[in-house]
Each structure stands twice: as C-alpha cells, then as structure tokens.
N, C-alpha and C. Protein backbone atom coordinates (compact mmCIF):
# COMPACT_ATOMS: atom_id res chain seq x y z
N MET A 1 -68.87 -26.91 -20.80
CA MET A 1 -67.50 -26.70 -20.80
C MET A 1 -66.65 -28.37 -22.04
N ASP A 2 -65.47 -27.43 -22.77
CA ASP A 2 -65.38 -28.61 -24.09
C ASP A 2 -64.32 -29.80 -23.22
N THR A 3 -65.03 -31.02 -23.60
CA THR A 3 -64.22 -32.17 -23.15
C THR A 3 -63.18 -32.48 -24.05
N ARG A 4 -62.60 -31.88 -25.11
CA ARG A 4 -61.78 -32.35 -26.02
C ARG A 4 -60.13 -31.37 -24.92
N GLN A 5 -59.10 -32.27 -24.88
CA GLN A 5 -57.97 -31.51 -24.38
C GLN A 5 -57.75 -30.23 -25.85
N ARG A 6 -57.10 -29.13 -24.79
CA ARG A 6 -57.21 -28.33 -25.28
C ARG A 6 -55.24 -28.11 -25.69
N HIS A 7 -55.81 -27.51 -26.87
CA HIS A 7 -53.74 -27.48 -27.45
C HIS A 7 -53.16 -25.82 -27.10
N THR A 8 -52.13 -25.88 -27.10
CA THR A 8 -51.47 -24.66 -27.15
C THR A 8 -50.64 -24.10 -27.82
N ARG A 9 -49.50 -22.95 -27.70
CA ARG A 9 -48.44 -23.22 -27.88
C ARG A 9 -47.41 -24.07 -27.34
N ARG A 10 -47.59 -24.83 -26.31
CA ARG A 10 -46.66 -25.37 -25.58
C ARG A 10 -46.46 -27.14 -25.80
N GLY A 11 -48.12 -27.01 -26.46
CA GLY A 11 -48.41 -28.73 -26.46
C GLY A 11 -49.47 -28.78 -25.70
N VAL A 12 -49.71 -30.65 -25.90
CA VAL A 12 -51.20 -31.28 -25.23
C VAL A 12 -50.69 -30.79 -23.89
N PRO A 13 -51.41 -30.66 -22.82
CA PRO A 13 -51.12 -30.50 -21.55
C PRO A 13 -50.92 -31.88 -20.79
N GLY A 14 -50.30 -31.97 -19.73
CA GLY A 14 -49.74 -33.28 -19.27
C GLY A 14 -48.65 -34.08 -20.07
N ARG A 15 -48.18 -33.56 -21.31
CA ARG A 15 -47.53 -34.07 -22.13
C ARG A 15 -46.27 -33.68 -22.88
N LYS A 16 -45.19 -34.16 -22.51
CA LYS A 16 -44.05 -33.36 -22.25
C LYS A 16 -43.64 -33.31 -24.11
N PRO A 17 -43.53 -31.97 -24.39
CA PRO A 17 -42.63 -32.42 -26.02
C PRO A 17 -41.59 -32.80 -26.42
N ALA A 18 -42.15 -33.46 -27.30
CA ALA A 18 -40.81 -34.40 -28.25
C ALA A 18 -39.84 -34.38 -28.37
N GLY A 19 -38.94 -33.02 -27.98
CA GLY A 19 -37.52 -33.19 -27.90
C GLY A 19 -37.24 -32.79 -26.52
N ARG A 20 -37.90 -32.58 -25.60
CA ARG A 20 -37.63 -32.79 -24.36
C ARG A 20 -36.71 -33.79 -23.78
N ASP A 21 -37.47 -35.03 -24.50
CA ASP A 21 -36.50 -36.19 -23.75
C ASP A 21 -35.37 -36.63 -24.36
N ALA A 22 -35.19 -36.42 -25.65
CA ALA A 22 -33.89 -36.23 -25.81
C ALA A 22 -33.05 -35.47 -25.71
N ALA A 23 -33.76 -33.76 -25.16
CA ALA A 23 -32.20 -33.29 -24.83
C ALA A 23 -32.18 -33.08 -23.18
N ALA A 24 -32.94 -33.16 -22.08
CA ALA A 24 -32.97 -34.68 -21.23
C ALA A 24 -31.93 -35.41 -21.50
N ARG A 25 -31.78 -36.24 -21.93
CA ARG A 25 -30.94 -37.57 -21.69
C ARG A 25 -29.49 -37.25 -22.59
N ARG A 26 -29.33 -36.31 -23.61
CA ARG A 26 -28.33 -35.74 -23.41
C ARG A 26 -27.48 -34.78 -22.41
N THR A 27 -28.68 -33.82 -21.97
CA THR A 27 -27.82 -33.24 -20.46
C THR A 27 -27.51 -34.20 -19.49
N ASP A 28 -28.17 -35.45 -19.17
CA ASP A 28 -28.03 -36.75 -18.17
C ASP A 28 -26.60 -37.17 -18.72
N GLN A 29 -26.63 -37.56 -19.88
CA GLN A 29 -25.33 -37.92 -20.01
C GLN A 29 -24.44 -36.91 -20.19
N ARG A 30 -24.46 -35.84 -20.93
CA ARG A 30 -23.26 -35.30 -20.47
C ARG A 30 -22.75 -34.72 -18.53
N LEU A 31 -23.48 -34.24 -18.02
CA LEU A 31 -23.70 -35.22 -16.32
C LEU A 31 -22.89 -36.04 -16.30
N GLU A 32 -23.09 -36.92 -17.01
CA GLU A 32 -22.83 -38.14 -16.08
C GLU A 32 -20.73 -38.77 -16.51
N ALA A 33 -20.99 -37.90 -17.88
CA ALA A 33 -19.35 -37.92 -18.32
C ALA A 33 -18.97 -36.57 -17.16
N VAL A 34 -19.69 -35.61 -17.11
CA VAL A 34 -18.50 -34.54 -16.80
C VAL A 34 -18.07 -34.66 -14.68
N ILE A 35 -19.41 -36.09 -14.61
CA ILE A 35 -18.84 -36.32 -13.44
C ILE A 35 -17.95 -37.00 -13.01
N ALA A 36 -17.79 -38.56 -14.05
CA ALA A 36 -16.65 -39.33 -14.34
C ALA A 36 -15.43 -39.01 -14.80
N ARG A 37 -15.37 -37.95 -15.20
CA ARG A 37 -14.43 -37.28 -15.31
C ARG A 37 -13.76 -36.30 -13.95
N LEU A 38 -14.47 -35.87 -13.30
CA LEU A 38 -13.98 -35.19 -11.64
C LEU A 38 -14.03 -36.35 -11.03
N GLU A 39 -14.13 -37.32 -11.07
CA GLU A 39 -14.21 -38.50 -10.15
C GLU A 39 -12.46 -39.14 -10.98
N ALA A 40 -12.45 -39.10 -12.01
CA ALA A 40 -10.81 -39.68 -12.35
C ALA A 40 -9.87 -37.99 -11.99
N THR A 41 -10.39 -36.83 -11.96
CA THR A 41 -9.28 -35.85 -12.00
C THR A 41 -8.58 -36.16 -10.26
N GLU A 42 -10.02 -36.60 -9.63
CA GLU A 42 -9.55 -36.22 -8.19
C GLU A 42 -8.84 -37.83 -7.78
N ARG A 43 -8.91 -38.42 -8.43
CA ARG A 43 -7.95 -39.78 -7.91
C ARG A 43 -6.59 -39.70 -8.93
N ARG A 44 -6.19 -38.93 -9.56
CA ARG A 44 -5.33 -39.14 -10.06
C ARG A 44 -4.61 -37.63 -9.63
N GLN A 45 -5.16 -36.70 -8.22
CA GLN A 45 -4.87 -35.50 -7.86
C GLN A 45 -4.19 -36.11 -6.30
N ARG A 46 -5.14 -37.19 -5.94
CA ARG A 46 -4.49 -37.77 -4.34
C ARG A 46 -3.43 -38.50 -4.81
N LEU A 47 -3.37 -38.97 -6.01
CA LEU A 47 -2.07 -39.60 -6.29
C LEU A 47 -0.61 -39.01 -6.52
N LEU A 48 -1.12 -37.96 -7.19
CA LEU A 48 0.15 -37.06 -6.81
C LEU A 48 0.54 -36.21 -6.05
N GLU A 49 -0.22 -35.98 -5.56
CA GLU A 49 -0.24 -35.82 -3.43
C GLU A 49 0.40 -36.35 -3.05
N GLY A 50 0.15 -37.47 -2.86
CA GLY A 50 1.16 -38.56 -2.24
C GLY A 50 2.21 -38.49 -3.30
N THR A 51 2.82 -39.40 -4.04
CA THR A 51 4.00 -39.09 -4.41
C THR A 51 4.64 -37.16 -4.34
N VAL A 52 4.60 -36.17 -4.31
CA VAL A 52 5.00 -35.37 -3.95
C VAL A 52 5.45 -35.05 -2.63
N SER A 53 4.06 -35.55 -2.08
CA SER A 53 4.37 -35.43 0.14
C SER A 53 5.60 -36.73 -0.18
N GLY A 54 5.81 -37.96 -0.82
CA GLY A 54 6.78 -39.06 -0.71
C GLY A 54 8.61 -38.69 -1.31
N LEU A 55 8.44 -37.62 -2.57
CA LEU A 55 9.23 -36.81 -2.78
C LEU A 55 10.14 -35.77 -2.14
N ALA A 56 9.26 -34.90 -0.95
CA ALA A 56 9.61 -33.98 -0.43
C ALA A 56 10.21 -34.79 0.80
N ARG A 57 9.79 -35.75 1.37
CA ARG A 57 10.51 -36.92 2.41
C ARG A 57 11.87 -36.74 1.77
N GLU A 58 11.52 -37.90 1.06
CA GLU A 58 13.27 -37.83 0.57
C GLU A 58 13.94 -37.00 0.38
N LEU A 59 13.62 -35.57 0.39
CA LEU A 59 14.56 -34.59 0.35
C LEU A 59 14.93 -34.17 1.37
N GLY A 60 14.32 -34.77 2.40
CA GLY A 60 14.21 -33.45 3.69
C GLY A 60 13.10 -32.07 3.90
N ALA A 61 12.26 -32.52 3.18
CA ALA A 61 11.64 -31.63 3.37
C ALA A 61 9.59 -31.73 3.55
N SER A 62 9.34 -30.92 3.59
CA SER A 62 7.67 -30.95 3.37
C SER A 62 6.77 -29.85 2.57
N ILE A 63 5.36 -30.35 2.67
CA ILE A 63 4.77 -29.20 1.77
C ILE A 63 4.25 -28.72 2.89
N ALA A 64 4.29 -27.16 2.20
CA ALA A 64 3.80 -26.10 2.90
C ALA A 64 2.14 -25.60 2.26
N GLY A 65 1.81 -24.38 2.43
CA GLY A 65 0.72 -23.25 1.96
C GLY A 65 1.14 -23.14 0.23
N SER A 66 0.44 -22.74 -0.08
CA SER A 66 0.31 -22.33 -1.26
C SER A 66 1.20 -20.83 -1.73
N CYS A 67 2.34 -20.87 -3.02
CA CYS A 67 3.06 -19.75 -2.95
C CYS A 67 1.81 -18.38 -3.38
N GLY A 68 1.90 -17.66 -2.35
CA GLY A 68 1.23 -16.09 -2.40
C GLY A 68 1.72 -15.44 -3.61
N ARG A 69 2.81 -15.13 -3.58
CA ARG A 69 3.52 -14.55 -5.15
C ARG A 69 3.11 -15.15 -6.36
N CYS A 70 3.11 -16.40 -6.64
CA CYS A 70 2.65 -16.61 -8.01
C CYS A 70 1.48 -18.05 -8.07
N GLU A 71 1.11 -18.26 -7.15
CA GLU A 71 0.00 -18.93 -6.58
C GLU A 71 -0.06 -20.15 -7.88
N GLN A 72 0.97 -20.92 -8.21
CA GLN A 72 1.28 -22.03 -8.55
C GLN A 72 1.84 -23.04 -8.18
N SER A 73 2.12 -23.07 -7.10
CA SER A 73 3.01 -24.09 -6.35
C SER A 73 2.83 -23.63 -5.03
N TYR A 74 2.61 -25.34 -4.08
CA TYR A 74 3.25 -25.44 -3.21
C TYR A 74 4.47 -24.93 -2.67
N PHE A 75 4.49 -23.95 -1.27
CA PHE A 75 6.23 -24.50 -1.00
C PHE A 75 6.90 -25.66 -0.31
N LEU A 76 7.98 -25.60 -0.56
CA LEU A 76 8.76 -26.90 0.17
C LEU A 76 9.16 -26.00 1.13
N VAL A 77 9.20 -26.92 2.74
CA VAL A 77 10.15 -26.60 3.51
C VAL A 77 11.23 -26.92 4.37
N ARG A 78 12.37 -26.52 4.26
CA ARG A 78 13.10 -27.38 5.01
C ARG A 78 13.43 -26.81 6.49
N SER A 79 14.57 -27.45 7.01
CA SER A 79 14.70 -26.67 8.45
C SER A 79 15.23 -25.20 8.44
N ASP A 80 15.68 -24.64 7.37
CA ASP A 80 16.34 -22.94 7.38
C ASP A 80 15.29 -22.21 6.15
N ALA A 81 14.13 -22.91 5.52
CA ALA A 81 13.88 -21.40 4.13
C ALA A 81 12.30 -22.60 3.81
N LEU A 82 11.59 -21.36 3.13
CA LEU A 82 10.63 -21.80 2.81
C LEU A 82 11.34 -21.37 1.13
N TYR A 83 10.85 -22.25 0.64
CA TYR A 83 10.94 -22.05 -1.53
C TYR A 83 9.65 -22.50 -2.41
N CYS A 84 9.49 -21.36 -3.49
CA CYS A 84 8.94 -22.08 -4.27
C CYS A 84 9.31 -22.60 -5.31
N PRO A 85 8.72 -24.11 -5.74
CA PRO A 85 10.26 -23.69 -6.93
C PRO A 85 9.87 -23.82 -8.16
N ALA A 86 8.16 -23.23 -8.22
CA ALA A 86 7.29 -22.23 -9.23
C ALA A 86 8.18 -21.40 -9.92
N CYS A 87 8.26 -20.04 -8.69
CA CYS A 87 8.77 -18.90 -9.04
C CYS A 87 10.24 -18.73 -8.48
N GLY A 88 10.79 -19.31 -7.68
CA GLY A 88 12.03 -19.49 -7.06
C GLY A 88 12.15 -18.68 -5.62
N TYR A 89 10.38 -18.09 -5.48
CA TYR A 89 10.77 -17.96 -4.21
C TYR A 89 11.18 -18.44 -2.91
N ARG A 90 12.45 -17.55 -2.15
CA ARG A 90 12.90 -18.18 -1.10
C ARG A 90 12.71 -17.12 0.10
N ARG A 91 12.17 -17.58 1.61
CA ARG A 91 12.20 -16.90 2.90
C ARG A 91 12.93 -17.92 3.43
N ALA A 92 13.55 -17.04 4.71
CA ALA A 92 14.73 -17.84 5.49
C ALA A 92 13.55 -17.82 6.91
N LEU A 93 13.76 -19.19 7.48
CA LEU A 93 12.58 -19.49 8.51
C LEU A 93 13.86 -18.63 9.59
C-alpha cells in the first residue's frame, strides 16, 4: 500500500479546497446580512401595525382581513361597512 497521500482532482483527502473557506465566509456574511435585514423589517412591520391600528381606533374603525379583490390592503371596518382603502371596494354589513 502506498503511504503517500493520493492527490485527486478534488484536492488532498481530508483537506478543504483553498477557495472553499473564502466562499463559506462570504455565504455566512451574506446570510448574516439577510437575517439583519429581516429582523429590521419585522421591527418596522410591528411599528406600522401598531400605528395603523391606533389610527383606525381614532377614526372609530378597526382592521379586518385582507381585501380579496386587490390583495393590497386590509379592510377598515366601521359599524356599517367594510372598506378597502387601496382599491375603494366597499361592502355594507
């Protein structure tokens, strides 16, 4: 049996290719950046949800499910109707 390490097209057995560490670091950095952006977006979304709910309360309305026509906004609900501020759809209750 040959005691020397065999070289293959993939490099030396038991050793990572030289470019792999750099590629893994870049992937890790990109993943960390995406996670940070996601967390920031979730924080902003929570703030906006609280603000919109507060505005609806001030106007005597509440927030309901999303509009099935345009799927661009939630319904505002008042005592007499559902209203979509994005497309203008209104439905009496």
